[in-house]
């Protein structure tokens, strides 16, 4: 019996997959919320955890992560606890570990002028207010204006209440509204004077709108059609 593994099965030569060769395929998908909780529990057994630790919250914050990523978060949290002189891993250690893995290191030494700090605060407040006001947004978890090493000057974090495998058009529209909330807050607060701070928001919103039109058939003008071909189809 010969077994092989790949992360890019769509580019394999069809001759490899014909009968008598690698003709049976077993999909090992990324872990869902329940799986991530169980994986975190396995890695947490080796670490002294405080009573306030909620692995369910950490699992909800890490959609798309695989076992190696989750193990890295537990190890990073343990290192943070040691650096802080703690005897056990606290919830804030795990939260900081997730932030480090997903957003990069804090750049508290980065010098920002009071005007820049105010603009970042207004921007993130815009995201937060829209997230709190629209019907289909995920619950707000935390807002920060501490710069990160990936270039973000601040972030607004939302946590989904459940694992999602599809999204409706109203949910996608509310997600776009939250993405555009930061730029809109700047426009309102500063009398139409905007900044470059919304670059990543605009990129993500544009990609989402493009998918709604070209992949999901959610355009009234163009109808229920798809445009272009995905890499898998090619």
C-alpha atoms as a PDB file:
ATOM      1  CA  UNK A   1       0.000   0.000   0.000  1.00  0.00           C
ATOM      2  CA  UNK A   2       1.453   3.367  -1.038  1.00  0.00           C
ATOM      3  CA  UNK A   3       0.175   6.527   0.615  1.00  0.00           C
ATOM      4  CA  UNK A   4       0.938  10.139  -0.254  1.00  0.00           C
ATOM      5  CA  UNK A   5      -0.189  13.547   0.967  1.00  0.00           C
ATOM      6  CA  UNK A   6      -0.490  16.946  -0.691  1.00  0.00           C
ATOM      7  CA  UNK A   7      -1.988  20.363   0.001  1.00  0.00           C
ATOM      8  CA  UNK A   8      -2.444  21.090  -3.737  1.00  0.00           C
ATOM      9  CA  UNK A   9      -4.358  18.134  -5.114  1.00  0.00           C
ATOM     10  CA  UNK A  10      -5.902  20.297  -7.855  1.00  0.00           C
ATOM     11  CA  UNK A  11      -2.561  20.543  -9.726  1.00  0.00           C
ATOM     12  CA  UNK A  12      -1.738  16.831  -9.715  1.00  0.00           C
ATOM     13  CA  UNK A  13      -1.318  15.073 -13.036  1.00  0.00           C
ATOM     14  CA  UNK A  14      -4.556  13.130 -13.787  1.00  0.00           C
ATOM     15  CA  UNK A  15      -2.370  10.145 -14.619  1.00  0.00           C
ATOM     16  CA  UNK A  16      -1.455   9.853 -10.945  1.00  0.00           C
ATOM     17  CA  UNK A  17      -5.102   9.598  -9.914  1.00  0.00           C
ATOM     18  CA  UNK A  18      -6.377   7.023 -12.385  1.00  0.00           C
ATOM     19  CA  UNK A  19      -7.496   3.525 -11.367  1.00  0.00           C
ATOM     20  CA  UNK A  20      -4.702   1.370 -10.013  1.00  0.00           C
ATOM     21  CA  UNK A  21      -2.580   4.318  -8.903  1.00  0.00           C
ATOM     22  CA  UNK A  22      -3.581   6.941  -6.306  1.00  0.00           C
ATOM     23  CA  UNK A  23      -7.230   6.192  -6.994  1.00  0.00           C
ATOM     24  CA  UNK A  24      -8.603   6.658  -3.465  1.00  0.00           C
ATOM     25  CA  UNK A  25      -8.561  10.125  -1.955  1.00  0.00           C
ATOM     26  CA  UNK A  26      -9.191  10.885   1.713  1.00  0.00           C
ATOM     27  CA  UNK A  27      -9.872  14.531   2.532  1.00  0.00           C
ATOM     28  CA  UNK A  28      -8.430  15.706   5.847  1.00  0.00           C
ATOM     29  CA  UNK A  29     -10.039  19.116   6.234  1.00  0.00           C
ATOM     30  CA  UNK A  30      -9.075  21.907   8.603  1.00  0.00           C
ATOM     31  CA  UNK A  31     -10.510  21.429  12.102  1.00  0.00           C
ATOM     32  CA  UNK A  32     -13.843  23.065  12.895  1.00  0.00           C
ATOM     33  CA  UNK A  33     -14.679  24.799  16.191  1.00  0.00           C
ATOM     34  CA  UNK A  34     -15.317  21.558  18.097  1.00  0.00           C
ATOM     35  CA  UNK A  35     -12.128  19.997  16.740  1.00  0.00           C
ATOM     36  CA  UNK A  36     -10.048  23.052  17.658  1.00  0.00           C
ATOM     37  CA  UNK A  37     -11.325  22.908  21.237  1.00  0.00           C
ATOM     38  CA  UNK A  38     -10.259  19.265  21.533  1.00  0.00           C
ATOM     39  CA  UNK A  39      -6.859  19.962  19.943  1.00  0.00           C
ATOM     40  CA  UNK A  40      -6.255  22.834  22.360  1.00  0.00           C
ATOM     41  CA  UNK A  41      -7.170  20.576  25.285  1.00  0.00           C
ATOM     42  CA  UNK A  42      -4.564  18.021  24.176  1.00  0.00           C
ATOM     43  CA  UNK A  43      -1.767  20.596  24.031  1.00  0.00           C
ATOM     44  CA  UNK A  44      -2.944  22.321  27.228  1.00  0.00           C
ATOM     45  CA  UNK A  45      -2.487  19.129  29.249  1.00  0.00           C
ATOM     46  CA  UNK A  46       1.262  19.758  29.360  1.00  0.00           C
ATOM     47  CA  UNK A  47       0.823  23.301  30.701  1.00  0.00           C
ATOM     48  CA  UNK A  48      -0.426  24.596  34.061  1.00  0.00           C
ATOM     49  CA  UNK A  49      -3.572  26.553  33.220  1.00  0.00           C
ATOM     50  CA  UNK A  50      -5.359  29.090  35.417  1.00  0.00           C
ATOM     51  CA  UNK A  51      -8.998  28.570  36.319  1.00  0.00           C
ATOM     52  CA  UNK A  52     -10.089  31.518  34.180  1.00  0.00           C
ATOM     53  CA  UNK A  53      -8.833  29.975  30.933  1.00  0.00           C
ATOM     54  CA  UNK A  54     -11.611  29.446  28.366  1.00  0.00           C
ATOM     55  CA  UNK A  55     -10.283  27.348  25.515  1.00  0.00           C
ATOM     56  CA  UNK A  56     -13.644  27.718  23.764  1.00  0.00           C
ATOM     57  CA  UNK A  57     -12.951  31.438  23.309  1.00  0.00           C
ATOM     58  CA  UNK A  58      -9.480  30.744  21.916  1.00  0.00           C
ATOM     59  CA  UNK A  59     -10.939  28.165  19.519  1.00  0.00           C
ATOM     60  CA  UNK A  60     -13.520  30.696  18.338  1.00  0.00           C
ATOM     61  CA  UNK A  61     -10.719  33.190  17.634  1.00  0.00           C
ATOM     62  CA  UNK A  62      -8.710  30.764  15.487  1.00  0.00           C
ATOM     63  CA  UNK A  63     -10.846  29.694  12.486  1.00  0.00           C
ATOM     64  CA  UNK A  64      -8.784  28.071   9.760  1.00  0.00           C
ATOM     65  CA  UNK A  65      -5.896  27.141  12.047  1.00  0.00           C
ATOM     66  CA  UNK A  66      -4.585  23.581  12.049  1.00  0.00           C
ATOM     67  CA  UNK A  67      -3.086  21.525  14.874  1.00  0.00           C
ATOM     68  CA  UNK A  68       0.435  22.926  14.490  1.00  0.00           C
ATOM     69  CA  UNK A  69      -0.895  26.494  14.686  1.00  0.00           C
ATOM     70  CA  UNK A  70      -2.864  25.743  17.848  1.00  0.00           C
ATOM     71  CA  UNK A  71       0.131  24.041  19.466  1.00  0.00           C
ATOM     72  CA  UNK A  72       2.172  27.149  18.669  1.00  0.00           C
ATOM     73  CA  UNK A  73      -0.395  29.338  20.440  1.00  0.00           C
ATOM     74  CA  UNK A  74      -0.240  27.207  23.607  1.00  0.00           C
ATOM     75  CA  UNK A  75       3.567  27.282  23.570  1.00  0.00           C
ATOM     76  CA  UNK A  76       3.638  31.039  22.960  1.00  0.00           C
ATOM     77  CA  UNK A  77       1.209  31.581  25.848  1.00  0.00           C
ATOM     78  CA  UNK A  78       3.435  29.507  28.152  1.00  0.00           C
ATOM     79  CA  UNK A  79       6.469  31.604  27.185  1.00  0.00           C
ATOM     80  CA  UNK A  80       4.543  34.807  27.834  1.00  0.00           C
ATOM     81  CA  UNK A  81       3.485  33.553  31.270  1.00  0.00           C
ATOM     82  CA  UNK A  82       7.123  32.795  32.153  1.00  0.00           C
ATOM     83  CA  UNK A  83       8.253  36.227  30.964  1.00  0.00           C
ATOM     84  CA  UNK A  84       5.598  37.858  33.158  1.00  0.00           C
ATOM     85  CA  UNK A  85       6.673  35.796  36.167  1.00  0.00           C
ATOM     86  CA  UNK A  86       3.414  33.859  36.303  1.00  0.00           C
ATOM     87  CA  UNK A  87       3.130  30.372  37.717  1.00  0.00           C
ATOM     88  CA  UNK A  88       0.224  29.446  35.428  1.00  0.00           C
ATOM     89  CA  UNK A  89      -0.956  30.428  31.979  1.00  0.00           C
ATOM     90  CA  UNK A  90      -3.695  33.028  32.315  1.00  0.00           C
ATOM     91  CA  UNK A  91      -6.411  33.885  29.815  1.00  0.00           C
ATOM     92  CA  UNK A  92      -4.663  37.129  28.876  1.00  0.00           C
ATOM     93  CA  UNK A  93      -1.528  35.116  27.986  1.00  0.00           C
ATOM     94  CA  UNK A  94      -3.534  33.035  25.531  1.00  0.00           C
ATOM     95  CA  UNK A  95      -5.248  36.120  24.103  1.00  0.00           C
ATOM     96  CA  UNK A  96      -1.881  37.812  23.597  1.00  0.00           C
ATOM     97  CA  UNK A  97      -0.485  34.632  22.006  1.00  0.00           C
ATOM     98  CA  UNK A  98      -3.311  34.600  19.448  1.00  0.00           C
ATOM     99  CA  UNK A  99      -2.726  38.298  18.723  1.00  0.00           C
ATOM    100  CA  UNK A 100       0.988  37.665  18.213  1.00  0.00           C
ATOM    101  CA  UNK A 101       0.400  34.781  15.817  1.00  0.00           C
ATOM    102  CA  UNK A 102      -2.355  36.502  13.833  1.00  0.00           C
ATOM    103  CA  UNK A 103      -1.422  40.199  14.052  1.00  0.00           C
ATOM    104  CA  UNK A 104       2.270  40.281  14.946  1.00  0.00           C
ATOM    105  CA  UNK A 105       4.121  41.720  17.931  1.00  0.00           C
ATOM    106  CA  UNK A 106       3.016  44.855  19.735  1.00  0.00           C
ATOM    107  CA  UNK A 107       4.996  47.930  18.725  1.00  0.00           C
ATOM    108  CA  UNK A 108       4.543  50.009  21.858  1.00  0.00           C
ATOM    109  CA  UNK A 109       7.782  51.821  21.081  1.00  0.00           C
ATOM    110  CA  UNK A 110       6.383  53.211  17.838  1.00  0.00           C
ATOM    111  CA  UNK A 111       6.006  56.952  18.252  1.00  0.00           C
ATOM    112  CA  UNK A 112       2.647  58.252  17.056  1.00  0.00           C
ATOM    113  CA  UNK A 113       1.570  61.851  17.291  1.00  0.00           C
ATOM    114  CA  UNK A 114      -1.560  62.691  19.308  1.00  0.00           C
ATOM    115  CA  UNK A 115      -3.321  63.519  16.029  1.00  0.00           C
ATOM    116  CA  UNK A 116      -2.517  60.071  14.615  1.00  0.00           C
ATOM    117  CA  UNK A 117      -3.659  58.338  17.813  1.00  0.00           C
ATOM    118  CA  UNK A 118      -6.927  60.252  17.678  1.00  0.00           C
ATOM    119  CA  UNK A 119      -7.504  59.342  14.031  1.00  0.00           C
ATOM    120  CA  UNK A 120      -6.801  55.651  14.700  1.00  0.00           C
ATOM    121  CA  UNK A 121      -9.211  55.789  17.637  1.00  0.00           C
ATOM    122  CA  UNK A 122     -11.913  57.370  15.476  1.00  0.00           C
ATOM    123  CA  UNK A 123     -11.293  54.773  12.774  1.00  0.00           C
ATOM    124  CA  UNK A 124     -11.556  51.770  15.094  1.00  0.00           C
ATOM    125  CA  UNK A 125     -14.568  53.295  16.857  1.00  0.00           C
ATOM    126  CA  UNK A 126     -16.263  53.452  13.464  1.00  0.00           C
ATOM    127  CA  UNK A 127     -15.728  49.722  12.949  1.00  0.00           C
ATOM    128  CA  UNK A 128     -16.997  48.994  16.458  1.00  0.00           C
ATOM    129  CA  UNK A 129     -20.136  51.156  16.198  1.00  0.00           C
ATOM    130  CA  UNK A 130     -21.160  49.612  12.889  1.00  0.00           C
ATOM    131  CA  UNK A 131     -20.510  46.104  14.252  1.00  0.00           C
ATOM    132  CA  UNK A 132     -22.786  46.903  17.205  1.00  0.00           C
ATOM    133  CA  UNK A 133     -25.540  48.408  15.052  1.00  0.00           C
ATOM    134  CA  UNK A 134     -25.979  46.038  12.091  1.00  0.00           C
ATOM    135  CA  UNK A 135     -28.085  42.909  12.473  1.00  0.00           C
ATOM    136  CA  UNK A 136     -25.794  40.194  11.169  1.00  0.00           C
ATOM    137  CA  UNK A 137     -22.364  41.215  12.496  1.00  0.00           C
ATOM    138  CA  UNK A 138     -20.401  38.896  14.766  1.00  0.00           C
ATOM    139  CA  UNK A 139     -20.277  40.034  18.416  1.00  0.00           C
ATOM    140  CA  UNK A 140     -17.629  42.615  19.267  1.00  0.00           C
ATOM    141  CA  UNK A 141     -14.797  41.188  21.392  1.00  0.00           C
ATOM    142  CA  UNK A 142     -12.062  43.813  21.698  1.00  0.00           C
ATOM    143  CA  UNK A 143     -10.841  47.083  20.175  1.00  0.00           C
ATOM    144  CA  UNK A 144      -7.189  48.165  20.286  1.00  0.00           C
ATOM    145  CA  UNK A 145      -5.120  51.084  18.999  1.00  0.00           C
ATOM    146  CA  UNK A 146      -1.752  49.491  19.852  1.00  0.00           C
ATOM    147  CA  UNK A 147       0.274  49.159  16.616  1.00  0.00           C
ATOM    148  CA  UNK A 148       1.350  45.690  15.496  1.00  0.00           C
ATOM    149  CA  UNK A 149       4.400  44.520  13.557  1.00  0.00           C
ATOM    150  CA  UNK A 150       2.333  43.583  10.499  1.00  0.00           C
ATOM    151  CA  UNK A 151       1.666  47.278   9.970  1.00  0.00           C
ATOM    152  CA  UNK A 152      -1.765  47.587  11.577  1.00  0.00           C
ATOM    153  CA  UNK A 153      -2.121  50.717  13.704  1.00  0.00           C
ATOM    154  CA  UNK A 154      -5.156  49.250  15.478  1.00  0.00           C
ATOM    155  CA  UNK A 155      -7.781  46.560  15.127  1.00  0.00           C
ATOM    156  CA  UNK A 156     -11.385  45.718  15.954  1.00  0.00           C
ATOM    157  CA  UNK A 157     -11.883  42.074  16.844  1.00  0.00           C
ATOM    158  CA  UNK A 158     -15.162  40.207  16.461  1.00  0.00           C
ATOM    159  CA  UNK A 159     -15.828  36.630  17.524  1.00  0.00           C
ATOM    160  CA  UNK A 160     -18.328  34.401  15.675  1.00  0.00           C
ATOM    161  CA  UNK A 161     -20.849  32.637  17.882  1.00  0.00           C
ATOM    162  CA  UNK A 162     -20.736  29.499  15.738  1.00  0.00           C
ATOM    163  CA  UNK A 163     -18.818  27.882  12.898  1.00  0.00           C
ATOM    164  CA  UNK A 164     -20.137  28.978   9.492  1.00  0.00           C
ATOM    165  CA  UNK A 165     -20.052  27.030   6.269  1.00  0.00           C
ATOM    166  CA  UNK A 166     -22.103  29.455   4.180  1.00  0.00           C
ATOM    167  CA  UNK A 167     -23.169  33.094   4.393  1.00  0.00           C
ATOM    168  CA  UNK A 168     -26.292  34.865   3.182  1.00  0.00           C
ATOM    169  CA  UNK A 169     -26.274  38.049   1.150  1.00  0.00           C
ATOM    170  CA  UNK A 170     -27.428  40.233   4.097  1.00  0.00           C
ATOM    171  CA  UNK A 171     -24.614  38.796   6.238  1.00  0.00           C
ATOM    172  CA  UNK A 172     -22.042  39.608   3.555  1.00  0.00           C
ATOM    173  CA  UNK A 173     -23.452  43.118   3.153  1.00  0.00           C
ATOM    174  CA  UNK A 174     -23.188  43.725   6.913  1.00  0.00           C
ATOM    175  CA  UNK A 175     -19.608  42.437   6.866  1.00  0.00           C
ATOM    176  CA  UNK A 176     -18.801  44.977   4.146  1.00  0.00           C
ATOM    177  CA  UNK A 177     -20.507  47.703   6.176  1.00  0.00           C
ATOM    178  CA  UNK A 178     -18.282  46.919   9.183  1.00  0.00           C
ATOM    179  CA  UNK A 179     -15.178  47.019   6.970  1.00  0.00           C
ATOM    180  CA  UNK A 180     -16.156  50.451   5.642  1.00  0.00           C
ATOM    181  CA  UNK A 181     -17.158  51.792   9.073  1.00  0.00           C
ATOM    182  CA  UNK A 182     -13.649  53.022   9.901  1.00  0.00           C
ATOM    183  CA  UNK A 183     -13.265  55.142   6.765  1.00  0.00           C
ATOM    184  CA  UNK A 184     -16.805  56.492   7.156  1.00  0.00           C
ATOM    185  CA  UNK A 185     -16.111  57.517  10.765  1.00  0.00           C
ATOM    186  CA  UNK A 186     -13.040  59.436   9.584  1.00  0.00           C
ATOM    187  CA  UNK A 187     -15.080  61.212   6.905  1.00  0.00           C
ATOM    188  CA  UNK A 188     -17.756  62.244   9.403  1.00  0.00           C
ATOM    189  CA  UNK A 189     -15.422  63.267  12.232  1.00  0.00           C
ATOM    190  CA  UNK A 190     -12.886  65.121  10.087  1.00  0.00           C
ATOM    191  CA  UNK A 191     -15.291  66.785   7.671  1.00  0.00           C
ATOM    192  CA  UNK A 192     -14.530  64.614   4.664  1.00  0.00           C
ATOM    193  CA  UNK A 193     -10.751  64.465   5.174  1.00  0.00           C
ATOM    194  CA  UNK A 194      -9.766  60.791   4.941  1.00  0.00           C
ATOM    195  CA  UNK A 195      -6.428  59.025   5.439  1.00  0.00           C
ATOM    196  CA  UNK A 196      -4.581  55.964   4.152  1.00  0.00           C
ATOM    197  CA  UNK A 197      -5.631  53.976   7.229  1.00  0.00           C
ATOM    198  CA  UNK A 198      -8.493  52.248   5.417  1.00  0.00           C
ATOM    199  CA  UNK A 199      -6.293  50.650   2.722  1.00  0.00           C
ATOM    200  CA  UNK A 200      -6.591  47.097   4.073  1.00  0.00           C
ATOM    201  CA  UNK A 201     -10.322  47.535   4.788  1.00  0.00           C
ATOM    202  CA  UNK A 202     -10.934  48.671   1.209  1.00  0.00           C
ATOM    203  CA  UNK A 203      -8.930  45.769  -0.196  1.00  0.00           C
ATOM    204  CA  UNK A 204     -10.900  43.218   1.823  1.00  0.00           C
ATOM    205  CA  UNK A 205     -14.258  44.873   1.071  1.00  0.00           C
ATOM    206  CA  UNK A 206     -13.438  45.043  -2.655  1.00  0.00           C
ATOM    207  CA  UNK A 207     -12.474  41.364  -2.728  1.00  0.00           C
ATOM    208  CA  UNK A 208     -15.728  40.442  -0.982  1.00  0.00           C
ATOM    209  CA  UNK A 209     -17.863  42.529  -3.341  1.00  0.00           C
ATOM    210  CA  UNK A 210     -16.035  41.046  -6.335  1.00  0.00           C
ATOM    211  CA  UNK A 211     -16.793  37.529  -5.104  1.00  0.00           C
ATOM    212  CA  UNK A 212     -20.453  38.391  -4.524  1.00  0.00           C
ATOM    213  CA  UNK A 213     -20.762  39.523  -8.155  1.00  0.00           C
ATOM    214  CA  UNK A 214     -18.486  37.090 -10.004  1.00  0.00           C
ATOM    215  CA  UNK A 215     -18.816  33.893  -7.912  1.00  0.00           C
ATOM    216  CA  UNK A 216     -22.007  34.025  -5.885  1.00  0.00           C
ATOM    217  CA  UNK A 217     -24.376  35.564  -8.459  1.00  0.00           C
ATOM    218  CA  UNK A 218     -25.601  38.223  -6.009  1.00  0.00           C
ATOM    219  CA  UNK A 219     -25.789  41.096  -8.516  1.00  0.00           C
ATOM    220  CA  UNK A 220     -29.267  42.196  -9.637  1.00  0.00           C
ATOM    221  CA  UNK A 221     -27.727  43.828 -12.713  1.00  0.00           C
ATOM    222  CA  UNK A 222     -25.749  40.789 -13.894  1.00  0.00           C
ATOM    223  CA  UNK A 223     -28.002  38.053 -12.536  1.00  0.00           C
ATOM    224  CA  UNK A 224     -27.273  34.593 -11.097  1.00  0.00           C
ATOM    225  CA  UNK A 225     -24.167  33.906 -13.165  1.00  0.00           C
ATOM    226  CA  UNK A 226     -20.498  33.298 -12.439  1.00  0.00           C
ATOM    227  CA  UNK A 227     -17.746  35.114 -14.290  1.00  0.00           C
ATOM    228  CA  UNK A 228     -14.230  33.829 -14.823  1.00  0.00           C
ATOM    229  CA  UNK A 229     -12.879  30.446 -13.729  1.00  0.00           C
ATOM    230  CA  UNK A 230     -11.473  29.418 -10.379  1.00  0.00           C
ATOM    231  CA  UNK A 231      -8.010  27.885 -10.125  1.00  0.00           C
ATOM    232  CA  UNK A 232      -9.575  24.508  -9.286  1.00  0.00           C
ATOM    233  CA  UNK A 233     -11.639  24.584 -12.491  1.00  0.00           C
ATOM    234  CA  UNK A 234      -8.556  25.379 -14.572  1.00  0.00           C
END
